[in-house]
Amino acid sequence: MTFNPQFARIGEILAHMGVATEDQVKEAVLKQNNFGLKLGETLRKLGFINEKDLLQALHLQLEYDIVNEDELLELDPEIVKLIPEPFAVENRIMAIKKEGETIIVAMTDPEDIVILDSLKKILGLNISPMLIGDDTLTDTLEKYYKSIRTT
C-alpha cells in the first residue's frame, strides 16, 4: 500500500521521512500532555527533530506552502501592520504580502479556522495561509513590529 501523508498522523509522517524513529514518536506521545504541546512541537522540544523537519512533515500532511525565509527579509511594513501586533503575536500569524483582494499570511497553524475567519472579518480581505516555523515567526514578528513601533 502506498504511503499517503494526507491521511497519516504527523508522527507517522516524520518516521516515514526518516527524521524520527517510532520509539521517539511513542516517547513524545507519552510526554505530550505534560508539555501541553502538539506532537510535532513535543518532538522538537525533546530534540528528536528540528523546525525544518516539522515544517516539511506538515507541508506533506496539510499541503500548505512553506514560507521561504528569503521572503521575510524585505517585507513591506504597511502590509505587516495590517494585522495589529497583539492579534499577530497572540494568534501566531503575520501578514507577508497582498495580492489584489487577498492577504498572504504566515502562520504556525494554517488550519485554525477561528483565526482565519476573525482575520477575514477584521481586514475585509480573503486570507491565504502559508506555513512558518514557530521560531522563525517569533523572530520575524519581533523584527518587524519593533521597527513599526519605533517609526
Foldseek 3Di string as FASTA:
>chain_A
DDDQLQPDDLLVLLVVVVQAPPVLLVVLVVCVVVVVDPSLVSSVVVVSHHQVSSQVSCCRHVVFAADDLVLLPDADLVQFPLPPLVLCVVQQKTFRDDDVQETEMEGQDPPPVVSQVVSCVSNVGHYRYHYYGSVSSVVSSCVSVVVVVVD
